[in-house]
Amino acid sequence: MEPRVDFISLGVRDVDASRRFYVDGLGWPVHAEYPGDVLFLQVNHGLMLSLWNVEQMQGEAAVDPPTGVPCITLSHNVSGPEEVDRMMSEAQAAGAVVVAPPKSQPWDGYTGYFADPDGFRWEIAYNPTWTVDDGGKVTV
């Protein structure tokens, strides 16, 4: 597996409050927004920060309801569903625990999640709208 992080996703209690903090307060530009569900901010060359409704995120990433520890995932985006399957198998062979087997998602993507030895969630994702141009600008 290539060492790379494309998305950092934070499970937030209130997407609107997070928007007020990151966008209105810190001045970070919005890349894409689905009010009340998820807010995407491009934070570096080819790197996105998503602020995601925690209940939705926990459901997709197979995380138990919060116990004081925030939900966070690190995402590695790939070029197709078969690559998601391959990389999930590779991670499992290396000792990862598959917590959400790869499946098609309602947003037309295909994702699987595994936990590292400390329980941190990694998402392996195929998102058909994900591109990064030569200047590092992300399209989702």
Foldseek 3Di string as FASTA:
>chain_A
DDDDFQEKEWADQFQVVVCCCVCVNVPFDWQDDDPRAKTWTADDQNHIYIHGHNVVVCVQQVNDPDPPDIAIETEDEDADPVVQQVVVVVVVVVPWAWRAQWDQDPQRKIWTWTADPVGHIYIYIYDPQWDADPRRDTTD
